[in-house]
Amino acid sequence: MKIADIIRNNLSLRENLNCAESILRAANDDLGLGLSPEALRLASGFGGGMNIGHACGALTGAVMVLGFLYVKEKAHESERIKEITRRFIADFEKVYGTIMCEPIKEAHRHPEYKCTSVILTSAELLEELLRSDPPENVVLPRD
């Protein structure tokens, strides 16, 4: 998987994407999710902690990817999505001590590179989780 590599190549800054858009777009490009530009816009309202400093967009973008990969039709039909989402959130919170955008942004946002380091960490955590517990019936690209 190369989600993190796509982020490292300045996708966010180059394309002027928010954190959630960046994760969803990088995963779409790397994993071949087949999401259209219109579908990718679904992430637009999740940047900046849903624009009010709540749950980090890099986190919510990754949760969108998990939903796409681990749910066949409806979340209520998948116990696995609950467990995998909890694991991702716990891993993210272990790194930052919170899942809230505002304190993460205060501590990690760079004037020039914005939240690229947070987006990159989220991408790395997502890749790690996908490697350790791959979704069923989905062929993930190899490194």
C-alpha atoms as a PDB file:
ATOM      1  CA  MET A   1       0.000   0.000   0.000  1.00  0.00           C
ATOM      2  CA  LYS A   2       1.153   3.464  -0.769  1.00  0.00           C
ATOM      3  CA  ILE A   3      -1.468   5.694   0.841  1.00  0.00           C
ATOM      4  CA  ALA A   4       1.204   7.307   3.017  1.00  0.00           C
ATOM      5  CA  ASP A   5       3.503   7.791   0.019  1.00  0.00           C
ATOM      6  CA  ILE A   6       0.754   9.677  -1.796  1.00  0.00           C
ATOM      7  CA  ILE A   7       0.383  11.930   1.258  1.00  0.00           C
ATOM      8  CA  ARG A   8       4.198  12.350   1.481  1.00  0.00           C
ATOM      9  CA  ASN A   9       4.130  13.658  -2.104  1.00  0.00           C
ATOM     10  CA  ASN A  10       2.148  16.687  -0.895  1.00  0.00           C
ATOM     11  CA  LEU A  11      -1.288  15.640  -2.165  1.00  0.00           C
ATOM     12  CA  SER A  12      -3.017  17.862   0.393  1.00  0.00           C
ATOM     13  CA  LEU A  13      -1.135  21.029  -0.487  1.00  0.00           C
ATOM     14  CA  ARG A  14      -0.891  20.352  -4.223  1.00  0.00           C
ATOM     15  CA  GLU A  15      -4.626  19.670  -4.596  1.00  0.00           C
ATOM     16  CA  ASN A  16      -5.711  22.049  -1.799  1.00  0.00           C
ATOM     17  CA  LEU A  17      -7.538  19.250   0.047  1.00  0.00           C
ATOM     18  CA  ASN A  18      -8.602  19.161   3.661  1.00  0.00           C
ATOM     19  CA  CYS A  19      -7.485  16.316   5.940  1.00  0.00           C
ATOM     20  CA  ALA A  20     -10.494  14.054   5.334  1.00  0.00           C
ATOM     21  CA  GLU A  21     -10.421  14.650   1.577  1.00  0.00           C
ATOM     22  CA  SER A  22      -6.697  13.857   1.532  1.00  0.00           C
ATOM     23  CA  ILE A  23      -7.048  10.480   3.228  1.00  0.00           C
ATOM     24  CA  LEU A  24     -10.067   9.431   1.166  1.00  0.00           C
ATOM     25  CA  ARG A  25      -8.461  10.575  -2.100  1.00  0.00           C
ATOM     26  CA  ALA A  26      -5.101   8.885  -1.364  1.00  0.00           C
ATOM     27  CA  ALA A  27      -6.847   5.629  -0.431  1.00  0.00           C
ATOM     28  CA  ASN A  28      -9.035   5.842  -3.526  1.00  0.00           C
ATOM     29  CA  ASP A  29      -5.989   6.351  -5.737  1.00  0.00           C
ATOM     30  CA  ASP A  30      -3.888   3.646  -4.081  1.00  0.00           C
ATOM     31  CA  LEU A  31      -6.488   0.986  -3.378  1.00  0.00           C
ATOM     32  CA  GLY A  32      -8.535   1.522  -6.535  1.00  0.00           C
ATOM     33  CA  LEU A  33     -11.762   2.071  -4.625  1.00  0.00           C
ATOM     34  CA  GLY A  34     -13.397   3.482  -7.746  1.00  0.00           C
ATOM     35  CA  LEU A  35     -14.894   6.518  -6.024  1.00  0.00           C
ATOM     36  CA  SER A  36     -15.895   9.239  -8.450  1.00  0.00           C
ATOM     37  CA  PRO A  37     -14.924  12.891  -7.931  1.00  0.00           C
ATOM     38  CA  GLU A  38     -18.527  13.442  -6.829  1.00  0.00           C
ATOM     39  CA  ALA A  39     -18.278  10.681  -4.213  1.00  0.00           C
ATOM     40  CA  LEU A  40     -14.949  12.054  -2.973  1.00  0.00           C
ATOM     41  CA  ARG A  41     -16.712  15.341  -2.200  1.00  0.00           C
ATOM     42  CA  LEU A  42     -18.525  13.516   0.622  1.00  0.00           C
ATOM     43  CA  ALA A  43     -15.393  14.101   2.720  1.00  0.00           C
ATOM     44  CA  SER A  44     -15.456  17.879   2.233  1.00  0.00           C
ATOM     45  CA  GLY A  45     -17.460  18.665   5.366  1.00  0.00           C
ATOM     46  CA  PHE A  46     -15.196  16.638   7.644  1.00  0.00           C
ATOM     47  CA  GLY A  47     -12.088  18.830   7.445  1.00  0.00           C
ATOM     48  CA  GLY A  48     -11.215  20.970  10.434  1.00  0.00           C
ATOM     49  CA  GLY A  49     -13.028  18.604  12.745  1.00  0.00           C
ATOM     50  CA  MET A  50     -16.276  19.038  10.801  1.00  0.00           C
ATOM     51  CA  ASN A  51     -15.371  22.713  10.637  1.00  0.00           C
ATOM     52  CA  ILE A  52     -15.865  23.146  14.384  1.00  0.00           C
ATOM     53  CA  GLY A  53     -12.714  21.520  15.778  1.00  0.00           C
ATOM     54  CA  HIS A  54     -14.338  18.206  16.700  1.00  0.00           C
ATOM     55  CA  ALA A  55     -13.215  14.773  15.402  1.00  0.00           C
ATOM     56  CA  CYS A  56     -10.045  15.213  13.309  1.00  0.00           C
ATOM     57  CA  GLY A  57     -10.593  15.066   9.552  1.00  0.00           C
ATOM     58  CA  ALA A  58      -7.593  12.764   9.072  1.00  0.00           C
ATOM     59  CA  LEU A  59      -9.336  10.350  11.433  1.00  0.00           C
ATOM     60  CA  THR A  60     -12.807  10.649   9.879  1.00  0.00           C
ATOM     61  CA  GLY A  61     -11.385  10.260   6.370  1.00  0.00           C
ATOM     62  CA  ALA A  62      -9.750   7.000   7.425  1.00  0.00           C
ATOM     63  CA  VAL A  63     -13.006   5.808   9.014  1.00  0.00           C
ATOM     64  CA  MET A  64     -14.718   6.449   5.657  1.00  0.00           C
ATOM     65  CA  VAL A  65     -12.144   4.198   3.987  1.00  0.00           C
ATOM     66  CA  LEU A  66     -12.701   1.494   6.615  1.00  0.00           C
ATOM     67  CA  GLY A  67     -16.448   1.672   6.041  1.00  0.00           C
ATOM     68  CA  PHE A  68     -15.973   1.271   2.307  1.00  0.00           C
ATOM     69  CA  LEU A  69     -13.668  -1.730   2.750  1.00  0.00           C
ATOM     70  CA  TYR A  70     -15.329  -3.566   5.654  1.00  0.00           C
ATOM     71  CA  VAL A  71     -19.056  -3.059   4.991  1.00  0.00           C
ATOM     72  CA  LYS A  72     -20.758  -4.815   2.105  1.00  0.00           C
ATOM     73  CA  GLU A  73     -24.045  -2.914   2.198  1.00  0.00           C
ATOM     74  CA  LYS A  74     -25.071  -1.617   5.647  1.00  0.00           C
ATOM     75  CA  ALA A  75     -23.108  -0.977   8.818  1.00  0.00           C
ATOM     76  CA  HIS A  76     -25.707  -2.768  10.948  1.00  0.00           C
ATOM     77  CA  GLU A  77     -24.884  -5.957   9.063  1.00  0.00           C
ATOM     78  CA  SER A  78     -21.197  -5.804  10.028  1.00  0.00           C
ATOM     79  CA  GLU A  79     -19.893  -6.351  13.542  1.00  0.00           C
ATOM     80  CA  ARG A  80     -16.424  -6.134  12.034  1.00  0.00           C
ATOM     81  CA  ILE A  81     -16.725  -2.443  11.143  1.00  0.00           C
ATOM     82  CA  LYS A  82     -17.448  -1.591  14.759  1.00  0.00           C
ATOM     83  CA  GLU A  83     -14.392  -3.443  16.011  1.00  0.00           C
ATOM     84  CA  ILE A  84     -12.053  -2.215  13.264  1.00  0.00           C
ATOM     85  CA  THR A  85     -13.206   1.402  13.707  1.00  0.00           C
ATOM     86  CA  ARG A  86     -12.689   1.215  17.461  1.00  0.00           C
ATOM     87  CA  ARG A  87      -9.192  -0.159  16.906  1.00  0.00           C
ATOM     88  CA  PHE A  88      -8.293   2.615  14.475  1.00  0.00           C
ATOM     89  CA  ILE A  89      -9.624   5.326  16.763  1.00  0.00           C
ATOM     90  CA  ALA A  90      -7.748   3.847  19.741  1.00  0.00           C
ATOM     91  CA  ASP A  91      -4.507   3.738  17.715  1.00  0.00           C
ATOM     92  CA  PHE A  92      -4.996   7.347  16.580  1.00  0.00           C
ATOM     93  CA  GLU A  93      -5.799   8.516  20.104  1.00  0.00           C
ATOM     94  CA  LYS A  94      -2.721   6.714  21.429  1.00  0.00           C
ATOM     95  CA  VAL A  95      -0.564   8.871  19.151  1.00  0.00           C
ATOM     96  CA  TYR A  96      -2.244  12.225  19.812  1.00  0.00           C
ATOM     97  CA  GLY A  97      -3.888  11.790  23.205  1.00  0.00           C
ATOM     98  CA  THR A  98      -7.185  12.910  21.660  1.00  0.00           C
ATOM     99  CA  ILE A  99      -9.246  12.586  18.505  1.00  0.00           C
ATOM    100  CA  MET A 100     -10.294  16.246  18.582  1.00  0.00           C
ATOM    101  CA  CYS A 101      -9.058  18.479  15.766  1.00  0.00           C
ATOM    102  CA  GLU A 102      -8.537  21.663  17.751  1.00  0.00           C
ATOM    103  CA  PRO A 103      -5.893  20.425  20.219  1.00  0.00           C
ATOM    104  CA  ILE A 104      -4.201  18.329  17.524  1.00  0.00           C
ATOM    105  CA  LYS A 105      -4.073  21.344  15.228  1.00  0.00           C
ATOM    106  CA  GLU A 106      -2.693  23.568  18.002  1.00  0.00           C
ATOM    107  CA  ALA A 107       0.129  21.117  18.678  1.00  0.00           C
ATOM    108  CA  HIS A 108       0.902  19.807  15.168  1.00  0.00           C
ATOM    109  CA  ARG A 109      -0.212  22.279  12.489  1.00  0.00           C
ATOM    110  CA  HIS A 110       2.668  23.863  10.610  1.00  0.00           C
ATOM    111  CA  PRO A 111       2.222  27.335   9.058  1.00  0.00           C
ATOM    112  CA  GLU A 112       3.448  26.175   5.645  1.00  0.00           C
ATOM    113  CA  TYR A 113       2.663  22.433   5.617  1.00  0.00           C
ATOM    114  CA  LYS A 114      -0.579  22.714   7.582  1.00  0.00           C
ATOM    115  CA  CYS A 115      -1.654  19.346   9.037  1.00  0.00           C
ATOM    116  CA  THR A 116       0.354  17.186   6.632  1.00  0.00           C
ATOM    117  CA  SER A 117       2.129  15.394   9.506  1.00  0.00           C
ATOM    118  CA  VAL A 118      -1.213  14.415  11.064  1.00  0.00           C
ATOM    119  CA  ILE A 119      -2.601  13.262   7.714  1.00  0.00           C
ATOM    120  CA  LEU A 120       0.540  11.205   7.160  1.00  0.00           C
ATOM    121  CA  THR A 121       0.287   9.573  10.588  1.00  0.00           C
ATOM    122  CA  SER A 122      -3.361   8.732   9.951  1.00  0.00           C
ATOM    123  CA  ALA A 123      -2.435   7.205   6.576  1.00  0.00           C
ATOM    124  CA  GLU A 124       0.312   5.117   8.190  1.00  0.00           C
ATOM    125  CA  LEU A 125      -2.049   3.898  10.926  1.00  0.00           C
ATOM    126  CA  LEU A 126      -4.647   3.029   8.284  1.00  0.00           C
ATOM    127  CA  GLU A 127      -2.127   1.043   6.255  1.00  0.00           C
ATOM    128  CA  GLU A 128      -0.918  -0.756   9.373  1.00  0.00           C
ATOM    129  CA  LEU A 129      -4.469  -1.760  10.305  1.00  0.00           C
ATOM    130  CA  LEU A 130      -5.293  -2.926   6.775  1.00  0.00           C
ATOM    131  CA  ARG A 131      -2.160  -5.069   6.714  1.00  0.00           C
ATOM    132  CA  SER A 132      -2.805  -6.615  10.126  1.00  0.00           C
ATOM    133  CA  ASP A 133      -6.524  -7.262   9.594  1.00  0.00           C
ATOM    134  CA  PRO A 134      -7.306  -7.153   5.862  1.00  0.00           C
ATOM    135  CA  PRO A 135     -10.920  -6.871   4.750  1.00  0.00           C
ATOM    136  CA  GLU A 136     -12.534  -9.993   3.295  1.00  0.00           C
ATOM    137  CA  ASN A 137     -13.015 -10.275  -0.459  1.00  0.00           C
ATOM    138  CA  VAL A 138     -10.838  -7.218  -1.149  1.00  0.00           C
ATOM    139  CA  VAL A 139      -7.460  -7.517  -2.809  1.00  0.00           C
ATOM    140  CA  LEU A 140      -5.161  -4.871  -1.394  1.00  0.00           C
ATOM    141  CA  PRO A 141      -2.159  -3.755  -3.433  1.00  0.00           C
ATOM    142  CA  ARG A 142       1.221  -4.999  -2.293  1.00  0.00           C
ATOM    143  CA  ASP A 143       4.089  -2.664  -1.532  1.00  0.00           C
END
